């Protein structure tokens, strides 16, 4: 007569074990596996997932499966948003542009997508098991395990606080490279102004080799030194690339969403246009991505050129997750435009090829990055490939701006955001709150003292 009681306890334990396998182990194993390499915190997602599992454990299979898929999808979106410093609303809005990128060019994206599919397939099988345990002690134990796992997640990410989910808080003090340098004040109607926002160029942190290399092709070039005064600094950043553009072009925190249907007369291109400058925006990717072809005119750019225009003008195509024109060939086109200009020009260029991940091959000229630094090649291979792209851009730029027929121009380079490396080893080599800038101010007789300030 004792068997039914023991059998009942055994059934409850099996149901409890099935539940743990699905809602604690399977729902989190892909993320937990990344604890030691580094990943955005997700302690609250662990708790929410467990609570949802307890609520739906007695529901029909299809409801449990839809709930599981939904919570995995939500967790994945928050995880990706954390990597790229995007809040959930921004990330979901960005999904409409997914067809324009090539995630198949990255082994990281392929591996991530494959892992999610495997988890979904296992969930389809495991959720057919009975998970409807009802003993209060087991329910309390399930909740306790979820809270414990969430606490472990919080602990494992303690040294990465500040690296994720960086939206500008209310009252955040504003700063930008264009503001710090007084870039717009140089608009005297004679010299050109060139602003270059370098994709994913972050500020090295406690890494002397990276600090030395960051702007070396320009700073260490005697011909550049002879023609330009140098000034370096940092700017705070929040969010992703388009927010970095708004920071430098419009002098405020924010993003482009409200600029699709309205003009902002206070942005730098509009201000310079009122001073008689031609305004041209260039981007090495397609203009439909993040709708730049729509909002660039609304901040004052009279002319726009994107990847197809650049390739038509002679640039090669470079691959990657974001395939477009090869950045290393764009300085030549910039120089040609400034030389042909009939009036002063404000030329803005947003680069592309250093967008992470930087894969091997694909005409990026980044594989042999040992030419840049054997140290980076050995210790930080992903950063090494990215620095090879920074270097190629600056070498090409130095060649053009030191040519005898290059017109008077001030040139400002600035990063948009830190490179969103996935693993802790690479990610922690960069300041999570600031990006670097370098201002090349053309020397003239009236002002030769800037470099000494």
Protein backbone atom coordinates (compact mmCIF):
# COMPACT_ATOMS: atom_id res chain seq x y z
CA UNK A 1 0.00 0.00 0.00
CA UNK A 2 3.02 2.30 0.45
CA UNK A 3 3.95 2.27 -3.23
CA UNK A 4 1.37 4.81 -4.44
CA UNK A 5 2.62 7.42 -1.93
CA UNK A 6 6.24 6.90 -2.89
CA UNK A 7 5.17 6.75 -6.53
CA UNK A 8 3.45 10.12 -6.09
CA UNK A 9 6.59 11.67 -4.65
CA UNK A 10 8.64 10.16 -7.47
CA UNK A 11 6.23 11.60 -10.05
CA UNK A 12 6.45 15.04 -8.48
CA UNK A 13 10.24 14.87 -8.50
CA UNK A 14 10.25 13.80 -12.13
CA UNK A 15 7.93 16.65 -13.03
CA UNK A 16 10.15 19.02 -11.06
CA UNK A 17 13.25 17.68 -12.80
CA UNK A 18 11.62 18.08 -16.21
CA UNK A 19 10.72 21.66 -15.37
CA UNK A 20 14.25 22.48 -14.22
CA UNK A 21 15.74 20.95 -17.35
CA UNK A 22 13.58 23.17 -19.56
CA UNK A 23 13.08 26.47 -17.75
CA UNK A 24 16.37 26.75 -15.89
CA UNK A 25 18.93 24.68 -17.80
CA UNK A 26 17.80 24.81 -21.44
CA UNK A 27 16.50 28.39 -21.26
CA UNK A 28 19.80 29.69 -19.91
CA UNK A 29 22.56 27.30 -20.95
CA UNK A 30 23.50 29.21 -24.10
CA UNK A 31 23.94 32.42 -22.11
CA UNK A 32 25.59 30.81 -19.07
CA UNK A 33 28.19 29.26 -21.37
CA UNK A 34 29.35 32.79 -22.13
CA UNK A 35 29.96 33.81 -18.52
CA UNK A 36 33.69 33.22 -18.73
CA UNK A 37 34.18 35.00 -22.05
CA UNK A 38 31.94 37.93 -21.17
CA UNK A 39 28.34 38.84 -21.88
CA UNK A 40 25.69 41.44 -21.00
CA UNK A 41 23.98 40.88 -17.62
CA UNK A 42 20.65 39.09 -17.76
CA UNK A 43 19.80 38.32 -14.14
CA UNK A 44 16.28 39.72 -14.45
CA UNK A 45 15.61 37.66 -17.59
CA UNK A 46 16.53 34.52 -15.63
CA UNK A 47 13.99 35.41 -12.96
CA UNK A 48 11.26 36.34 -15.47
CA UNK A 49 11.83 33.13 -17.42
CA UNK A 50 11.52 31.01 -14.29
CA UNK A 51 8.35 32.78 -13.18
CA UNK A 52 6.80 32.31 -16.61
CA UNK A 53 7.70 28.63 -16.51
CA UNK A 54 5.95 28.24 -13.17
CA UNK A 55 2.83 29.97 -14.49
CA UNK A 56 2.48 27.90 -17.67
CA UNK A 57 3.66 24.51 -16.36
CA UNK A 58 0.12 23.16 -16.21
CA UNK A 59 -0.96 24.57 -19.57
CA UNK A 60 -1.20 22.60 -22.84
CA UNK A 61 2.01 21.84 -24.73
CA UNK A 62 1.57 24.42 -27.47
CA UNK A 63 1.11 27.25 -24.96
CA UNK A 64 4.20 26.16 -23.05
CA UNK A 65 6.22 25.97 -26.25
CA UNK A 66 5.09 29.40 -27.46
CA UNK A 67 5.92 30.81 -24.03
CA UNK A 68 9.38 29.25 -24.10
CA UNK A 69 10.10 30.51 -27.62
CA UNK A 70 8.85 33.95 -26.65
CA UNK A 71 11.06 34.22 -23.59
CA UNK A 72 14.12 32.98 -25.49
CA UNK A 73 13.42 35.50 -28.25
CA UNK A 74 13.01 38.30 -25.71
CA UNK A 75 16.21 37.32 -23.89
CA UNK A 76 18.12 37.15 -27.16
CA UNK A 77 16.95 40.60 -28.21
CA UNK A 78 17.98 42.09 -24.88
CA UNK A 79 21.33 40.27 -25.09
CA UNK A 80 22.07 41.60 -28.58
CA UNK A 81 20.89 45.06 -27.55
CA UNK A 82 23.30 44.95 -24.63
CA UNK A 83 26.21 44.04 -26.88
CA UNK A 84 25.52 46.98 -29.18
CA UNK A 85 24.40 49.45 -26.49
CA UNK A 86 20.87 49.57 -27.87
CA UNK A 87 17.70 49.63 -25.82
CA UNK A 88 14.98 47.18 -26.82
CA UNK A 89 12.92 49.77 -28.73
CA UNK A 90 15.93 50.81 -30.82
CA UNK A 91 16.88 47.20 -31.53
CA UNK A 92 13.36 46.19 -32.60
CA UNK A 93 13.17 49.27 -34.82
CA UNK A 94 16.48 48.24 -36.39
CA UNK A 95 15.21 44.76 -37.32
CA UNK A 96 13.51 46.22 -40.40
CA UNK A 97 16.98 46.68 -41.92
CA UNK A 98 18.09 43.09 -41.34
CA UNK A 99 17.75 42.16 -45.02
CA UNK A 100 20.46 44.68 -45.93
CA UNK A 101 23.23 42.98 -43.93
CA UNK A 102 25.04 39.66 -44.46
CA UNK A 103 25.24 37.82 -41.11
CA UNK A 104 26.35 34.72 -43.00
CA UNK A 105 29.76 36.38 -43.42
CA UNK A 106 30.39 36.04 -39.69
CA UNK A 107 31.05 32.73 -37.96
CA UNK A 108 29.87 34.34 -34.71
CA UNK A 109 26.41 35.05 -36.09
CA UNK A 110 26.19 31.62 -37.70
CA UNK A 111 27.12 29.91 -34.43
CA UNK A 112 24.64 32.01 -32.47
CA UNK A 113 21.80 31.31 -34.87
CA UNK A 114 22.59 27.60 -34.90
CA UNK A 115 22.58 27.46 -31.09
CA UNK A 116 19.15 29.07 -30.91
CA UNK A 117 17.74 26.59 -33.44
CA UNK A 118 19.12 23.65 -31.45
CA UNK A 119 17.59 25.02 -28.24
CA UNK A 120 14.21 25.44 -29.95
CA UNK A 121 14.34 21.88 -31.29
CA UNK A 122 15.21 20.44 -27.87
CA UNK A 123 12.43 22.50 -26.27
CA UNK A 124 9.92 21.04 -28.73
CA UNK A 125 10.88 17.57 -27.51
CA UNK A 126 11.34 18.22 -23.80
CA UNK A 127 8.20 20.32 -23.32
CA UNK A 128 6.11 17.27 -24.17
CA UNK A 129 7.15 15.88 -20.80
CA UNK A 130 4.99 16.42 -17.74
CA UNK A 131 6.17 19.47 -15.74
CA UNK A 132 3.07 20.08 -13.63
CA UNK A 133 4.47 19.53 -10.13
CA UNK A 134 2.38 21.06 -7.37
CA UNK A 135 4.11 20.53 -4.03
CA UNK A 136 4.70 23.95 -2.39
CA UNK A 137 8.20 22.99 -1.30
CA UNK A 138 9.17 22.16 -4.88
CA UNK A 139 7.65 25.39 -6.19
CA UNK A 140 9.64 27.35 -3.61
CA UNK A 141 12.74 25.37 -4.59
CA UNK A 142 12.22 26.20 -8.26
CA UNK A 143 11.92 29.91 -7.49
CA UNK A 144 14.97 29.74 -5.25
CA UNK A 145 17.09 28.10 -7.95
CA UNK A 146 16.11 30.82 -10.44
CA UNK A 147 17.04 33.55 -7.97
CA UNK A 148 20.34 31.79 -7.21
CA UNK A 149 21.20 31.51 -10.91
CA UNK A 150 20.32 35.19 -11.36
CA UNK A 151 22.64 36.06 -8.49
CA UNK A 152 25.46 34.09 -10.12
CA UNK A 153 24.88 35.93 -13.38
CA UNK A 154 25.11 39.25 -11.57
CA UNK A 155 28.33 38.16 -9.86
CA UNK A 156 29.96 36.87 -13.04
CA UNK A 157 29.41 40.21 -14.78
CA UNK A 158 30.51 42.43 -11.90
CA UNK A 159 33.68 43.62 -13.66
CA UNK A 160 31.77 44.57 -16.80
CA UNK A 161 29.32 47.01 -15.27
CA UNK A 162 29.06 50.12 -17.37
CA UNK A 163 29.76 48.28 -20.62
CA UNK A 164 26.16 47.60 -21.60
CA UNK A 165 22.80 49.36 -22.06
CA UNK A 166 24.25 52.88 -22.28
CA UNK A 167 21.31 55.11 -23.14
CA UNK A 168 21.79 58.75 -22.20
CA UNK A 169 20.11 59.34 -18.83
CA UNK A 170 18.07 62.44 -18.19
CA UNK A 171 20.38 65.33 -17.47
CA UNK A 172 23.50 63.68 -18.87
CA UNK A 173 26.18 66.31 -19.49
CA UNK A 174 26.65 66.73 -23.22
CA UNK A 175 29.99 66.60 -24.98
CA UNK A 176 31.20 66.09 -28.54
CA UNK A 177 34.33 66.43 -30.63
CA UNK A 178 32.80 69.17 -32.79
CA UNK A 179 31.91 71.17 -29.69
CA UNK A 180 35.23 70.64 -27.89
CA UNK A 181 37.32 71.68 -30.89
CA UNK A 182 35.25 74.67 -31.95
CA UNK A 183 35.17 72.99 -35.35
CA UNK A 184 32.36 75.13 -36.77
CA UNK A 185 34.06 78.39 -35.79
CA UNK A 186 36.67 77.75 -38.46
CA UNK A 187 34.05 78.29 -41.15
CA UNK A 188 35.60 81.46 -42.56
CA UNK A 189 34.37 80.96 -46.11
CA UNK A 190 37.86 80.01 -47.29
CA UNK A 191 38.80 76.66 -45.83
CA UNK A 192 36.93 73.37 -46.20
CA UNK A 193 35.76 71.44 -43.15
CA UNK A 194 35.93 67.64 -43.12
CA UNK A 195 34.32 65.55 -40.39
CA UNK A 196 35.02 61.81 -40.36
CA UNK A 197 33.12 59.54 -37.96
CA UNK A 198 35.02 56.27 -37.77
CA UNK A 199 32.83 53.23 -37.23
CA UNK A 200 33.48 51.48 -33.89
CA UNK A 201 36.63 53.41 -33.04
CA UNK A 202 36.87 53.26 -29.27
CA UNK A 203 39.21 54.78 -26.73
CA UNK A 204 41.92 52.33 -25.62
CA UNK A 205 41.97 51.72 -21.88
CA UNK A 206 45.18 50.76 -20.09
CA UNK A 207 46.65 49.40 -23.31
CA UNK A 208 49.75 51.38 -24.35
CA UNK A 209 50.18 49.54 -27.64
CA UNK A 210 46.66 50.37 -28.78
CA UNK A 211 46.99 53.98 -27.61
CA UNK A 212 50.22 54.32 -29.56
CA UNK A 213 48.72 52.90 -32.75
CA UNK A 214 45.32 54.58 -32.72
CA UNK A 215 46.26 57.71 -34.68
CA UNK A 216 49.89 56.85 -35.48
CA UNK A 217 49.63 57.11 -39.29
CA UNK A 218 48.70 60.78 -38.89
CA UNK A 219 50.51 61.81 -35.72
CA UNK A 220 53.83 60.23 -36.72
CA UNK A 221 53.84 61.49 -40.30
CA UNK A 222 56.33 64.39 -40.73
CA UNK A 223 54.47 65.73 -43.76
CA UNK A 224 51.22 65.88 -41.79
CA UNK A 225 53.04 67.50 -38.88
CA UNK A 226 54.41 70.18 -41.19
CA UNK A 227 51.00 71.17 -42.48
CA UNK A 228 48.65 70.64 -39.51
CA UNK A 229 48.46 71.39 -35.82
CA UNK A 230 47.26 68.42 -33.80
CA UNK A 231 44.80 68.31 -30.98
CA UNK A 232 43.44 65.18 -29.31
CA UNK A 233 40.69 64.53 -26.83
CA UNK A 234 37.76 62.37 -25.86
CA UNK A 235 34.00 62.68 -26.02
CA UNK A 236 31.32 60.84 -24.05
CA UNK A 237 29.10 58.54 -26.05
CA UNK A 238 25.79 56.78 -25.57
CA UNK A 239 24.06 54.18 -27.71
CA UNK A 240 25.14 53.24 -31.24
CA UNK A 241 26.33 54.74 -34.53
CA UNK A 242 23.34 56.90 -35.43
CA UNK A 243 23.34 58.39 -31.92
CA UNK A 244 27.03 59.19 -32.44
CA UNK A 245 26.15 60.95 -35.69
CA UNK A 246 23.50 63.05 -33.97
CA UNK A 247 25.98 63.87 -31.21
CA UNK A 248 28.55 65.25 -33.64
CA UNK A 249 26.25 66.69 -36.30
CA UNK A 250 23.43 68.10 -34.19
CA UNK A 251 25.07 68.81 -30.85
CA UNK A 252 22.70 66.85 -28.64
CA UNK A 253 21.90 63.42 -27.27
CA UNK A 254 19.32 61.52 -29.25
CA UNK A 255 18.81 59.51 -32.39
CA UNK A 256 17.51 59.95 -35.88
CA UNK A 257 13.94 58.67 -35.53
CA UNK A 258 12.30 62.09 -35.23
CA UNK A 259 14.37 63.47 -38.13
CA UNK A 260 12.81 61.29 -40.80
CA UNK A 261 9.78 63.56 -41.08
CA UNK A 262 11.08 66.89 -39.78
CA UNK A 263 14.02 69.22 -40.22
CA UNK A 264 16.45 70.25 -37.49
CA UNK A 265 17.71 73.73 -38.29
CA UNK A 266 20.23 73.63 -35.47
CA UNK A 267 22.40 70.86 -36.93
CA UNK A 268 25.91 71.60 -38.19
CA UNK A 269 25.25 71.07 -41.93
CA UNK A 270 22.36 73.56 -41.86
CA UNK A 271 24.42 76.07 -39.86
CA UNK A 272 27.31 75.85 -42.30
CA UNK A 273 25.01 76.00 -45.32
CA UNK A 274 23.75 79.37 -44.03
CA UNK A 275 27.38 80.51 -44.06
CA UNK A 276 27.69 79.67 -47.74
CA UNK A 277 29.11 76.15 -47.51
CA UNK A 278 28.23 73.29 -49.80
CA UNK A 279 27.24 70.29 -47.70
CA UNK A 280 27.94 66.69 -48.65
CA UNK A 281 27.41 63.51 -46.62
CA UNK A 282 29.16 60.29 -47.61
CA UNK A 283 28.65 56.80 -46.16
CA UNK A 284 30.28 53.64 -47.42
CA UNK A 285 27.08 51.58 -46.97
CA UNK A 286 23.64 51.80 -48.52
CA UNK A 287 21.63 54.96 -47.89
CA UNK A 288 18.48 53.05 -47.00
CA UNK A 289 20.16 51.56 -43.92
CA UNK A 290 18.79 53.43 -40.90
CA UNK A 291 17.08 55.66 -43.49
CA UNK A 292 20.03 57.98 -43.86
CA UNK A 293 18.87 58.91 -47.36
CA UNK A 294 15.80 60.43 -45.69
CA UNK A 295 17.13 62.19 -42.60
CA UNK A 296 20.48 63.44 -43.93
CA UNK A 297 18.65 66.10 -46.02
CA UNK A 298 16.62 67.10 -42.96
CA UNK A 299 19.74 68.12 -41.05
CA UNK A 300 21.11 70.16 -43.93
CA UNK A 301 23.02 67.91 -46.33
CA UNK A 302 22.29 69.16 -49.83
CA UNK A 303 24.15 66.22 -51.40
CA UNK A 304 24.50 62.59 -50.35
CA UNK A 305 26.63 59.75 -51.65
CA UNK A 306 26.49 56.12 -50.59
CA UNK A 307 28.21 52.85 -51.45
CA UNK A 308 27.00 52.57 -55.05
CA UNK A 309 28.05 56.15 -55.79
CA UNK A 310 31.48 55.48 -54.31
CA UNK A 311 31.96 52.26 -56.24
CA UNK A 312 30.83 53.98 -59.41
CA UNK A 313 33.56 56.54 -58.74
CA UNK A 314 36.18 53.79 -58.52
CA UNK A 315 36.09 52.28 -55.03
CA UNK A 316 36.21 48.52 -54.74
CA UNK A 317 33.66 46.49 -52.81
CA UNK A 318 34.65 45.24 -49.36
CA UNK A 319 32.74 42.41 -47.72
CA UNK A 320 31.73 41.62 -44.17
CA UNK A 321 28.43 41.58 -42.33
CA UNK A 322 27.97 45.09 -43.77
CA UNK A 323 29.34 44.86 -47.33
CA UNK A 324 29.96 48.19 -49.03
CA UNK A 325 32.63 50.42 -50.49
CA UNK A 326 36.22 49.96 -49.29
CA UNK A 327 36.98 52.74 -46.83
CA UNK A 328 40.68 52.82 -47.65
CA UNK A 329 39.83 54.16 -51.12
CA UNK A 330 37.47 56.94 -50.04
CA UNK A 331 40.06 59.58 -48.99
CA UNK A 332 41.08 59.82 -52.65
CA UNK A 333 37.48 60.61 -53.57
CA UNK A 334 37.22 63.15 -50.75
CA UNK A 335 40.34 64.91 -51.98
CA UNK A 336 39.01 65.01 -55.55
CA UNK A 337 35.75 66.61 -54.40
CA UNK A 338 37.49 69.28 -52.35
CA UNK A 339 39.89 70.10 -55.20
CA UNK A 340 36.98 70.47 -57.62
CA UNK A 341 34.80 72.53 -55.25
CA UNK A 342 33.83 75.98 -56.44
CA UNK A 343 32.95 77.16 -52.93
CA UNK A 344 33.90 76.06 -49.41
CA UNK A 345 32.56 72.65 -48.53
CA UNK A 346 31.54 70.83 -45.37
CA UNK A 347 32.16 67.17 -46.16
CA UNK A 348 31.03 64.48 -43.74
CA UNK A 349 32.08 60.85 -44.09
CA UNK A 350 30.84 57.92 -42.01
CA UNK A 351 33.13 54.91 -42.50
CA UNK A 352 32.01 51.29 -42.58
CA UNK A 353 34.58 48.49 -42.76
CA UNK A 354 35.62 48.48 -39.09
CA UNK A 355 32.09 47.48 -38.06
CA UNK A 356 32.27 44.34 -35.95
CA UNK A 357 32.82 41.57 -36.55
CA UNK A 358 35.74 42.11 -38.94
CA UNK A 359 35.99 38.76 -40.75
CA UNK A 360 38.98 37.35 -42.57
CA UNK A 361 39.34 37.91 -46.29
CA UNK A 362 36.60 39.68 -48.22
CA UNK A 363 38.99 42.36 -49.54
CA UNK A 364 39.26 44.06 -46.14
CA UNK A 365 43.08 43.92 -46.13
CA UNK A 366 42.96 43.00 -42.44
CA UNK A 367 44.29 39.44 -42.37
CA UNK A 368 47.97 40.37 -42.23
CA UNK A 369 47.46 42.69 -39.28
CA UNK A 370 50.85 41.68 -37.89
CA UNK A 371 52.15 44.44 -40.15
CA UNK A 372 50.42 46.82 -37.74
CA UNK A 373 51.44 45.18 -34.49
CA UNK A 374 52.78 41.69 -33.72
CA UNK A 375 51.62 42.30 -30.15
CA UNK A 376 48.01 42.86 -31.13
CA UNK A 377 48.14 39.94 -33.54
CA UNK A 378 49.25 37.68 -30.71
CA UNK A 379 47.16 38.97 -27.82
CA UNK A 380 44.09 40.58 -29.41
CA UNK A 381 43.60 39.18 -32.92
CA UNK A 382 40.15 40.71 -33.44
CA UNK A 383 41.34 44.16 -32.35
CA UNK A 384 44.38 43.70 -34.58
CA UNK A 385 42.17 43.28 -37.67
CA UNK A 386 40.16 46.32 -36.72
CA UNK A 387 43.27 48.44 -36.19
CA UNK A 388 44.49 47.36 -39.63
CA UNK A 389 41.38 49.02 -41.07
CA UNK A 390 41.87 52.18 -38.98
CA UNK A 391 45.46 52.30 -40.23
CA UNK A 392 44.58 51.86 -43.91
CA UNK A 393 42.07 54.71 -43.69
CA UNK A 394 44.56 57.05 -42.03
CA UNK A 395 47.44 56.13 -44.34
CA UNK A 396 45.24 56.92 -47.34
CA UNK A 397 44.05 60.14 -45.69
CA UNK A 398 47.62 61.25 -44.90
CA UNK A 399 48.65 60.68 -48.50
CA UNK A 400 45.87 62.91 -49.80
CA UNK A 401 46.03 65.76 -47.28
CA UNK A 402 49.78 66.21 -47.71
CA UNK A 403 49.64 66.45 -51.48
CA UNK A 404 50.79 69.79 -52.85
CA UNK A 405 47.42 70.56 -54.45
CA UNK A 406 45.24 69.59 -51.47
CA UNK A 407 43.24 72.69 -50.55
CA UNK A 408 43.07 74.33 -47.13
CA UNK A 409 40.93 72.18 -44.88
CA UNK A 410 40.47 71.32 -41.23
CA UNK A 411 39.89 67.63 -40.58
CA UNK A 412 38.27 66.09 -37.52
CA UNK A 413 38.20 62.32 -36.88
CA UNK A 414 36.07 60.88 -34.07
CA UNK A 415 34.72 57.48 -33.05
CA UNK A 416 31.00 56.86 -32.83
CA UNK A 417 31.05 54.29 -30.00
CA UNK A 418 33.36 51.73 -28.46
CA UNK A 419 33.69 48.54 -30.52
CA UNK A 420 31.05 46.14 -29.13
CA UNK A 421 33.29 43.12 -28.76
CA UNK A 422 31.48 40.07 -27.53
CA UNK A 423 34.16 38.67 -25.21
CA UNK A 424 35.51 40.27 -22.06
CA UNK A 425 39.15 39.86 -23.18
CA UNK A 426 38.70 42.23 -26.12
CA UNK A 427 35.89 44.42 -24.82
CA UNK A 428 37.68 45.55 -21.68
CA UNK A 429 40.53 47.02 -23.72
CA UNK A 430 38.28 50.01 -24.40
CA UNK A 431 36.79 52.76 -22.27
CA UNK A 432 33.05 51.98 -21.97
CA UNK A 433 32.05 55.65 -21.74
CA UNK A 434 34.23 57.67 -24.13
CA UNK A 435 35.46 57.75 -27.71
CA UNK A 436 38.64 59.43 -29.03
CA UNK A 437 38.99 62.28 -31.48
CA UNK A 438 41.86 63.84 -33.42
CA UNK A 439 41.66 67.35 -34.84
CA UNK A 440 43.97 68.33 -37.71
CA UNK A 441 43.86 72.10 -37.94
CA UNK A 442 45.50 73.53 -41.04
CA UNK A 443 48.37 75.83 -40.07
CA UNK A 444 48.29 79.42 -41.22
CA UNK A 445 50.15 82.60 -40.42
CA UNK A 446 47.53 83.81 -37.98
CA UNK A 447 47.50 80.77 -35.74
CA UNK A 448 50.43 78.47 -35.07
CA UNK A 449 50.01 78.03 -31.34
CA UNK A 450 47.14 75.54 -31.13
CA UNK A 451 49.36 72.49 -30.65
CA UNK A 452 50.88 73.99 -27.53
CA UNK A 453 47.57 74.52 -25.75
